[in-house]
């Protein structure tokens, strides 16, 4: 596929080595930079010296020989900026971030490119980061700006600690919630059962009391009934005696 890509680019310009710059532009559009192996293939298929291709690729600041970083850093090396310390700023950036001029840091966070002039001599020394101009830059100020971006990049990569703690706490919370739910259900069951049992117990007690009352009342009622029977018999016997007296007097 890579071989076909280089061949397609060459065929697009009818193998004209005078169109080397547009060919390099198309190649960089595909990869984001100019890979060394692709430049070798381009030189071989165009039948031109590899040194010629490299001379063109390194002459123009628009070409990149390394993958593009997350942030583009451009430092003006014009006469005014140079006299005000741009060289020291460049040395500091290259040393601290282990990057060569025109290259990208190993972590691909910064692409560093010194340029001849940015047309802002009144602001010298000037450093441009992601299109934002920083004037009156010193080595210390440059490091502060770039270190803040580096810290932001590290913070984005690191997983949030809060989420980890919440995930770790979730099972414990769920267990506690389940425990509360179970105890709540048990309490509800106890509450539901207690009145019913109390009612049954009170019903049993009431029936026992009624039976006792019935048992107590029964002898009294029986005695009263017997008394009434005796009175009835007495009245009948007295009436019989009176009748006998009347018949004897006759």
C-alpha atoms as a PDB file:
ATOM      1  CA  UNK A   1       0.000   0.000   0.000  1.00  0.00           C
ATOM      2  CA  UNK A   2       2.860   2.426   0.904  1.00  0.00           C
ATOM      3  CA  UNK A   3       4.637   1.580  -2.350  1.00  0.00           C
ATOM      4  CA  UNK A   4       1.433   2.250  -4.270  1.00  0.00           C
ATOM      5  CA  UNK A   5       0.984   5.576  -2.466  1.00  0.00           C
ATOM      6  CA  UNK A   6       4.413   6.840  -3.556  1.00  0.00           C
ATOM      7  CA  UNK A   7       3.790   5.544  -7.087  1.00  0.00           C
ATOM      8  CA  UNK A   8       0.373   7.268  -7.217  1.00  0.00           C
ATOM      9  CA  UNK A   9       1.949  10.566  -6.156  1.00  0.00           C
ATOM     10  CA  UNK A  10       4.679  10.259  -8.813  1.00  0.00           C
ATOM     11  CA  UNK A  11       2.122   9.329 -11.500  1.00  0.00           C
ATOM     12  CA  UNK A  12      -0.029  12.293 -10.433  1.00  0.00           C
ATOM     13  CA  UNK A  13       2.802  14.608 -11.542  1.00  0.00           C
ATOM     14  CA  UNK A  14       3.841  12.440 -14.540  1.00  0.00           C
ATOM     15  CA  UNK A  15       7.184  11.493 -12.942  1.00  0.00           C
ATOM     16  CA  UNK A  16       8.439  15.085 -13.301  1.00  0.00           C
ATOM     17  CA  UNK A  17      11.221  15.589 -10.738  1.00  0.00           C
ATOM     18  CA  UNK A  18      10.724  19.337 -11.139  1.00  0.00           C
ATOM     19  CA  UNK A  19       7.477  18.835  -9.152  1.00  0.00           C
ATOM     20  CA  UNK A  20       9.355  17.493  -6.126  1.00  0.00           C
ATOM     21  CA  UNK A  21       7.918  20.083  -3.720  1.00  0.00           C
ATOM     22  CA  UNK A  22       4.232  19.272  -4.534  1.00  0.00           C
ATOM     23  CA  UNK A  23       5.099  15.563  -4.244  1.00  0.00           C
ATOM     24  CA  UNK A  24       6.553  16.117  -0.760  1.00  0.00           C
ATOM     25  CA  UNK A  25       3.500  18.159   0.200  1.00  0.00           C
ATOM     26  CA  UNK A  26       1.170  15.334  -0.866  1.00  0.00           C
ATOM     27  CA  UNK A  27       3.284  12.806   1.016  1.00  0.00           C
ATOM     28  CA  UNK A  28       3.191  14.931   4.179  1.00  0.00           C
ATOM     29  CA  UNK A  29      -0.583  15.328   3.838  1.00  0.00           C
ATOM     30  CA  UNK A  30      -0.945  11.543   3.975  1.00  0.00           C
ATOM     31  CA  UNK A  31       1.369  10.909   6.939  1.00  0.00           C
ATOM     32  CA  UNK A  32       1.427  14.234   8.782  1.00  0.00           C
ATOM     33  CA  UNK A  33       5.218  14.339   8.286  1.00  0.00           C
ATOM     34  CA  UNK A  34       7.865  12.955   5.888  1.00  0.00           C
ATOM     35  CA  UNK A  35       8.861   9.423   6.922  1.00  0.00           C
ATOM     36  CA  UNK A  36      12.464   8.515   6.051  1.00  0.00           C
ATOM     37  CA  UNK A  37      11.517   5.218   4.367  1.00  0.00           C
ATOM     38  CA  UNK A  38       9.013   6.991   2.105  1.00  0.00           C
ATOM     39  CA  UNK A  39      11.631   9.529   1.060  1.00  0.00           C
ATOM     40  CA  UNK A  40      13.957   6.677   0.080  1.00  0.00           C
ATOM     41  CA  UNK A  41      11.191   5.097  -2.023  1.00  0.00           C
ATOM     42  CA  UNK A  42      10.476   8.456  -3.621  1.00  0.00           C
ATOM     43  CA  UNK A  43      14.146   8.949  -4.513  1.00  0.00           C
ATOM     44  CA  UNK A  44      14.423   5.433  -5.947  1.00  0.00           C
ATOM     45  CA  UNK A  45      11.278   5.631  -8.113  1.00  0.00           C
ATOM     46  CA  UNK A  46      12.066   9.173  -9.310  1.00  0.00           C
ATOM     47  CA  UNK A  47      15.689   8.135  -9.914  1.00  0.00           C
ATOM     48  CA  UNK A  48      17.092  11.198  -8.142  1.00  0.00           C
ATOM     49  CA  UNK A  49      19.708  11.360  -5.351  1.00  0.00           C
ATOM     50  CA  UNK A  50      18.290  11.032  -1.844  1.00  0.00           C
ATOM     51  CA  UNK A  51      20.432  14.007  -0.784  1.00  0.00           C
ATOM     52  CA  UNK A  52      18.490  16.239  -3.183  1.00  0.00           C
ATOM     53  CA  UNK A  53      15.173  15.231  -1.616  1.00  0.00           C
ATOM     54  CA  UNK A  54      16.529  15.849   1.881  1.00  0.00           C
ATOM     55  CA  UNK A  55      17.945  19.246   0.887  1.00  0.00           C
ATOM     56  CA  UNK A  56      14.488  20.355  -0.275  1.00  0.00           C
ATOM     57  CA  UNK A  57      12.651  18.808   2.709  1.00  0.00           C
ATOM     58  CA  UNK A  58      14.945  20.472   5.269  1.00  0.00           C
ATOM     59  CA  UNK A  59      15.140  23.834   3.512  1.00  0.00           C
ATOM     60  CA  UNK A  60      11.445  24.650   3.780  1.00  0.00           C
ATOM     61  CA  UNK A  61      10.076  25.139   7.316  1.00  0.00           C
ATOM     62  CA  UNK A  62       6.651  23.801   6.260  1.00  0.00           C
ATOM     63  CA  UNK A  63       8.036  20.264   5.959  1.00  0.00           C
ATOM     64  CA  UNK A  64       8.296  18.085   9.059  1.00  0.00           C
ATOM     65  CA  UNK A  65      10.752  15.219   9.381  1.00  0.00           C
ATOM     66  CA  UNK A  66       9.052  13.821  12.492  1.00  0.00           C
ATOM     67  CA  UNK A  67       5.427  13.186  13.529  1.00  0.00           C
ATOM     68  CA  UNK A  68       3.562  16.280  14.616  1.00  0.00           C
ATOM     69  CA  UNK A  69       3.206  16.799  18.368  1.00  0.00           C
ATOM     70  CA  UNK A  70       0.054  17.724  20.270  1.00  0.00           C
ATOM     71  CA  UNK A  71       1.326  21.335  20.579  1.00  0.00           C
ATOM     72  CA  UNK A  72       3.245  23.356  17.992  1.00  0.00           C
ATOM     73  CA  UNK A  73       6.020  25.536  19.400  1.00  0.00           C
ATOM     74  CA  UNK A  74       7.619  28.116  17.112  1.00  0.00           C
ATOM     75  CA  UNK A  75      10.511  30.299  18.239  1.00  0.00           C
ATOM     76  CA  UNK A  76      11.580  33.364  16.321  1.00  0.00           C
ATOM     77  CA  UNK A  77      15.317  33.411  15.625  1.00  0.00           C
ATOM     78  CA  UNK A  78      15.326  36.720  13.716  1.00  0.00           C
ATOM     79  CA  UNK A  79      18.035  39.292  14.304  1.00  0.00           C
ATOM     80  CA  UNK A  80      16.209  41.255  17.053  1.00  0.00           C
ATOM     81  CA  UNK A  81      14.972  38.122  18.855  1.00  0.00           C
ATOM     82  CA  UNK A  82      18.420  36.540  18.575  1.00  0.00           C
ATOM     83  CA  UNK A  83      20.120  39.575  20.096  1.00  0.00           C
ATOM     84  CA  UNK A  84      17.618  39.499  22.976  1.00  0.00           C
ATOM     85  CA  UNK A  85      18.358  35.891  23.918  1.00  0.00           C
ATOM     86  CA  UNK A  86      16.413  33.622  21.517  1.00  0.00           C
ATOM     87  CA  UNK A  87      19.445  31.329  21.213  1.00  0.00           C
ATOM     88  CA  UNK A  88      19.444  30.624  24.978  1.00  0.00           C
ATOM     89  CA  UNK A  89      15.687  29.974  24.874  1.00  0.00           C
ATOM     90  CA  UNK A  90      16.181  27.446  22.058  1.00  0.00           C
ATOM     91  CA  UNK A  91      19.004  25.692  23.926  1.00  0.00           C
ATOM     92  CA  UNK A  92      16.851  25.432  27.064  1.00  0.00           C
ATOM     93  CA  UNK A  93      13.868  23.957  25.185  1.00  0.00           C
ATOM     94  CA  UNK A  94      16.062  21.405  23.365  1.00  0.00           C
ATOM     95  CA  UNK A  95      17.838  20.377  26.565  1.00  0.00           C
ATOM     96  CA  UNK A  96      14.834  20.145  28.885  1.00  0.00           C
ATOM     97  CA  UNK A  97      12.497  18.394  26.430  1.00  0.00           C
ATOM     98  CA  UNK A  98      15.128  16.336  24.575  1.00  0.00           C
ATOM     99  CA  UNK A  99      14.096  17.593  21.171  1.00  0.00           C
ATOM    100  CA  UNK A 100      16.037  18.754  18.130  1.00  0.00           C
ATOM    101  CA  UNK A 101      15.111  21.896  16.164  1.00  0.00           C
ATOM    102  CA  UNK A 102      12.448  20.874  13.672  1.00  0.00           C
ATOM    103  CA  UNK A 103      11.678  17.698  15.625  1.00  0.00           C
ATOM    104  CA  UNK A 104       9.102  16.359  18.068  1.00  0.00           C
ATOM    105  CA  UNK A 105       9.552  15.407  21.715  1.00  0.00           C
ATOM    106  CA  UNK A 106       9.731  11.641  22.472  1.00  0.00           C
ATOM    107  CA  UNK A 107       6.264  11.745  24.064  1.00  0.00           C
ATOM    108  CA  UNK A 108       4.933  13.622  20.992  1.00  0.00           C
ATOM    109  CA  UNK A 109       3.695  16.429  23.171  1.00  0.00           C
ATOM    110  CA  UNK A 110       5.610  19.248  21.424  1.00  0.00           C
ATOM    111  CA  UNK A 111       6.773  19.887  17.889  1.00  0.00           C
ATOM    112  CA  UNK A 112       9.550  22.484  18.088  1.00  0.00           C
ATOM    113  CA  UNK A 113      10.448  24.674  15.133  1.00  0.00           C
ATOM    114  CA  UNK A 114      12.833  27.659  15.176  1.00  0.00           C
ATOM    115  CA  UNK A 115      12.110  30.049  12.273  1.00  0.00           C
ATOM    116  CA  UNK A 116      13.930  32.963  10.736  1.00  0.00           C
ATOM    117  CA  UNK A 117      11.319  35.621  11.501  1.00  0.00           C
ATOM    118  CA  UNK A 118       7.654  35.915  12.489  1.00  0.00           C
ATOM    119  CA  UNK A 119       7.360  39.648  11.741  1.00  0.00           C
ATOM    120  CA  UNK A 120       6.837  40.779  15.350  1.00  0.00           C
ATOM    121  CA  UNK A 121      10.187  42.401  16.176  1.00  0.00           C
ATOM    122  CA  UNK A 122       8.586  44.867  18.612  1.00  0.00           C
ATOM    123  CA  UNK A 123       7.634  41.920  20.833  1.00  0.00           C
ATOM    124  CA  UNK A 124      11.060  40.243  20.777  1.00  0.00           C
ATOM    125  CA  UNK A 125      11.881  37.605  21.822  1.00  0.00           C
ATOM    126  CA  UNK A 126       8.726  35.940  20.504  1.00  0.00           C
ATOM    127  CA  UNK A 127       7.532  32.352  20.972  1.00  0.00           C
ATOM    128  CA  UNK A 128       4.338  31.079  19.352  1.00  0.00           C
ATOM    129  CA  UNK A 129       2.511  28.145  20.984  1.00  0.00           C
ATOM    130  CA  UNK A 130      -0.515  26.744  19.133  1.00  0.00           C
ATOM    131  CA  UNK A 131      -0.928  30.064  17.329  1.00  0.00           C
ATOM    132  CA  UNK A 132      -0.758  32.184  20.509  1.00  0.00           C
ATOM    133  CA  UNK A 133       2.019  34.805  20.620  1.00  0.00           C
ATOM    134  CA  UNK A 134       4.101  35.188  23.778  1.00  0.00           C
ATOM    135  CA  UNK A 135       6.235  38.333  23.887  1.00  0.00           C
ATOM    136  CA  UNK A 136       9.321  39.205  25.930  1.00  0.00           C
ATOM    137  CA  UNK A 137      10.058  35.509  26.449  1.00  0.00           C
ATOM    138  CA  UNK A 138      12.960  34.406  28.642  1.00  0.00           C
ATOM    139  CA  UNK A 139      14.225  30.822  29.165  1.00  0.00           C
ATOM    140  CA  UNK A 140      12.358  30.735  32.499  1.00  0.00           C
ATOM    141  CA  UNK A 141       9.122  32.058  31.001  1.00  0.00           C
ATOM    142  CA  UNK A 142       9.339  29.633  28.064  1.00  0.00           C
ATOM    143  CA  UNK A 143       9.763  26.677  30.455  1.00  0.00           C
ATOM    144  CA  UNK A 144       6.836  27.854  32.583  1.00  0.00           C
ATOM    145  CA  UNK A 145       4.532  28.008  29.540  1.00  0.00           C
ATOM    146  CA  UNK A 146       5.584  24.597  28.194  1.00  0.00           C
ATOM    147  CA  UNK A 147       5.594  22.894  31.600  1.00  0.00           C
ATOM    148  CA  UNK A 148       2.001  24.009  32.204  1.00  0.00           C
ATOM    149  CA  UNK A 149       0.974  22.333  28.935  1.00  0.00           C
ATOM    150  CA  UNK A 150       2.970  19.246  29.881  1.00  0.00           C
ATOM    151  CA  UNK A 151       1.183  19.061  33.257  1.00  0.00           C
ATOM    152  CA  UNK A 152      -2.202  19.353  31.515  1.00  0.00           C
ATOM    153  CA  UNK A 153      -1.262  16.480  29.209  1.00  0.00           C
ATOM    154  CA  UNK A 154      -0.276  14.268  32.146  1.00  0.00           C
ATOM    155  CA  UNK A 155      -3.523  15.118  33.961  1.00  0.00           C
ATOM    156  CA  UNK A 156      -5.566  14.069  30.923  1.00  0.00           C
ATOM    157  CA  UNK A 157      -3.735  10.740  30.679  1.00  0.00           C
ATOM    158  CA  UNK A 158      -4.073   9.889  34.379  1.00  0.00           C
ATOM    159  CA  UNK A 159      -7.383   8.246  35.413  1.00  0.00           C
ATOM    160  CA  UNK A 160      -9.457  10.302  37.865  1.00  0.00           C
ATOM    161  CA  UNK A 161      -8.759   9.236  41.469  1.00  0.00           C
ATOM    162  CA  UNK A 162     -12.248  10.148  42.557  1.00  0.00           C
ATOM    163  CA  UNK A 163     -13.846   7.633  40.212  1.00  0.00           C
ATOM    164  CA  UNK A 164     -11.596   4.877  41.543  1.00  0.00           C
ATOM    165  CA  UNK A 165     -12.602   5.653  45.122  1.00  0.00           C
ATOM    166  CA  UNK A 166     -16.280   5.735  44.201  1.00  0.00           C
ATOM    167  CA  UNK A 167     -15.978   2.400  42.388  1.00  0.00           C
ATOM    168  CA  UNK A 168     -14.192   0.874  45.387  1.00  0.00           C
ATOM    169  CA  UNK A 169     -16.809   2.241  47.774  1.00  0.00           C
ATOM    170  CA  UNK A 170     -19.758   1.084  45.703  1.00  0.00           C
ATOM    171  CA  UNK A 171     -19.797  -2.591  46.851  1.00  0.00           C
ATOM    172  CA  UNK A 172     -19.598  -1.528  50.500  1.00  0.00           C
ATOM    173  CA  UNK A 173     -22.409   0.958  50.023  1.00  0.00           C
ATOM    174  CA  UNK A 174     -24.473  -1.626  48.180  1.00  0.00           C
ATOM    175  CA  UNK A 175     -23.899  -4.158  50.983  1.00  0.00           C
ATOM    176  CA  UNK A 176     -24.895  -1.608  53.612  1.00  0.00           C
ATOM    177  CA  UNK A 177     -27.965  -0.698  51.601  1.00  0.00           C
ATOM    178  CA  UNK A 178     -28.906  -4.372  51.305  1.00  0.00           C
ATOM    179  CA  UNK A 179     -28.421  -4.795  55.052  1.00  0.00           C
ATOM    180  CA  UNK A 180     -30.684  -1.845  55.737  1.00  0.00           C
ATOM    181  CA  UNK A 181     -33.266  -3.183  53.311  1.00  0.00           C
ATOM    182  CA  UNK A 182     -33.202  -6.610  54.964  1.00  0.00           C
ATOM    183  CA  UNK A 183     -33.520  -5.141  58.445  1.00  0.00           C
ATOM    184  CA  UNK A 184     -36.290  -2.860  57.210  1.00  0.00           C
ATOM    185  CA  UNK A 185     -38.176  -5.814  55.752  1.00  0.00           C
ATOM    186  CA  UNK A 186     -37.750  -7.764  58.987  1.00  0.00           C
ATOM    187  CA  UNK A 187     -39.087  -4.817  60.963  1.00  0.00           C
ATOM    188  CA  UNK A 188     -42.074  -4.549  58.642  1.00  0.00           C
ATOM    189  CA  UNK A 189     -42.763  -8.255  58.964  1.00  0.00           C
ATOM    190  CA  UNK A 190     -42.522  -8.037  62.758  1.00  0.00           C
ATOM    191  CA  UNK A 191     -44.820  -5.032  62.807  1.00  0.00           C
ATOM    192  CA  UNK A 192     -47.321  -6.785  60.585  1.00  0.00           C
ATOM    193  CA  UNK A 193     -47.281  -9.998  62.591  1.00  0.00           C
ATOM    194  CA  UNK A 194     -47.467  -8.442  66.078  1.00  0.00           C
ATOM    195  CA  UNK A 195     -50.987  -6.912  65.872  1.00  0.00           C
ATOM    196  CA  UNK A 196     -52.418 -10.116  64.370  1.00  0.00           C
ATOM    197  CA  UNK A 197     -50.883 -12.248  67.068  1.00  0.00           C
ATOM    198  CA  UNK A 198     -52.039  -9.791  69.729  1.00  0.00           C
ATOM    199  CA  UNK A 199     -55.558  -9.881  68.311  1.00  0.00           C
ATOM    200  CA  UNK A 200     -55.590 -13.680  68.320  1.00  0.00           C
ATOM    201  CA  UNK A 201     -54.252 -13.754  71.860  1.00  0.00           C
ATOM    202  CA  UNK A 202     -56.778 -11.155  73.004  1.00  0.00           C
ATOM    203  CA  UNK A 203     -59.514 -13.162  71.201  1.00  0.00           C
ATOM    204  CA  UNK A 204     -58.466 -16.278  73.025  1.00  0.00           C
ATOM    205  CA  UNK A 205     -58.457 -14.388  76.330  1.00  0.00           C
ATOM    206  CA  UNK A 206     -61.867 -12.907  75.633  1.00  0.00           C
ATOM    207  CA  UNK A 207     -63.313 -16.300  74.774  1.00  0.00           C
ATOM    208  CA  UNK A 208     -61.769 -17.729  77.924  1.00  0.00           C
ATOM    209  CA  UNK A 209     -63.282 -14.946  80.009  1.00  0.00           C
ATOM    210  CA  UNK A 210     -66.680 -15.435  78.400  1.00  0.00           C
ATOM    211  CA  UNK A 211     -66.530 -19.147  79.104  1.00  0.00           C
ATOM    212  CA  UNK A 212     -65.632 -18.447  82.708  1.00  0.00           C
ATOM    213  CA  UNK A 213     -68.485 -15.973  83.016  1.00  0.00           C
ATOM    214  CA  UNK A 214     -70.834 -18.500  81.454  1.00  0.00           C
ATOM    215  CA  UNK A 215     -69.602 -21.167  83.849  1.00  0.00           C
ATOM    216  CA  UNK A 216     -70.101 -18.859  86.830  1.00  0.00           C
ATOM    217  CA  UNK A 217     -73.566 -17.751  85.749  1.00  0.00           C
ATOM    218  CA  UNK A 218     -74.879 -21.257  85.010  1.00  0.00           C
ATOM    219  CA  UNK A 219     -75.179 -22.540  88.669  1.00  0.00           C
ATOM    220  CA  UNK A 220     -76.981 -19.357  89.733  1.00  0.00           C
ATOM    221  CA  UNK A 221     -79.449 -19.657  86.911  1.00  0.00           C
ATOM    222  CA  UNK A 222     -80.013 -23.340  87.769  1.00  0.00           C
ATOM    223  CA  UNK A 223     -80.665 -22.511  91.447  1.00  0.00           C
ATOM    224  CA  UNK A 224     -83.113 -19.792  90.499  1.00  0.00           C
ATOM    225  CA  UNK A 225     -84.929 -22.209  88.219  1.00  0.00           C
ATOM    226  CA  UNK A 226     -85.128 -24.769  91.014  1.00  0.00           C
ATOM    227  CA  UNK A 227     -86.524 -22.123  93.404  1.00  0.00           C
ATOM    228  CA  UNK A 228     -89.197 -21.188  90.934  1.00  0.00           C
ATOM    229  CA  UNK A 229     -90.192 -24.851  90.544  1.00  0.00           C
ATOM    230  CA  UNK A 230     -90.471 -25.274  94.320  1.00  0.00           C
ATOM    231  CA  UNK A 231     -92.681 -22.182  94.649  1.00  0.00           C
ATOM    232  CA  UNK A 232     -94.949 -23.492  91.908  1.00  0.00           C
ATOM    233  CA  UNK A 233     -95.267 -26.817  93.705  1.00  0.00           C
ATOM    234  CA  UNK A 234     -96.049 -25.091  97.033  1.00  0.00           C
ATOM    235  CA  UNK A 235     -98.783 -23.002  95.479  1.00  0.00           C
ATOM    236  CA  UNK A 236    -100.330 -26.084  93.897  1.00  0.00           C
ATOM    237  CA  UNK A 237    -100.251 -28.039  97.218  1.00  0.00           C
ATOM    238  CA  UNK A 238    -101.854 -25.146  99.114  1.00  0.00           C
ATOM    239  CA  UNK A 239    -104.603 -24.923  96.549  1.00  0.00           C
ATOM    240  CA  UNK A 240    -105.210 -28.699  96.925  1.00  0.00           C
ATOM    241  CA  UNK A 241    -105.443 -28.351 100.714  1.00  0.00           C
ATOM    242  CA  UNK A 242    -108.042 -25.591 100.457  1.00  0.00           C
ATOM    243  CA  UNK A 243    -110.113 -27.687  98.097  1.00  0.00           C
ATOM    244  CA  UNK A 244    -110.066 -30.613 100.538  1.00  0.00           C
ATOM    245  CA  UNK A 245    -111.237 -28.391 103.412  1.00  0.00           C
ATOM    246  CA  UNK A 246    -114.132 -27.083 101.382  1.00  0.00           C
ATOM    247  CA  UNK A 247    -115.278 -30.596 100.483  1.00  0.00           C
ATOM    248  CA  UNK A 248    -115.068 -31.724 104.176  1.00  0.00           C
ATOM    249  CA  UNK A 249    -117.171 -28.821 105.401  1.00  0.00           C
ATOM    250  CA  UNK A 250    -119.864 -29.704 102.953  1.00  0.00           C
END
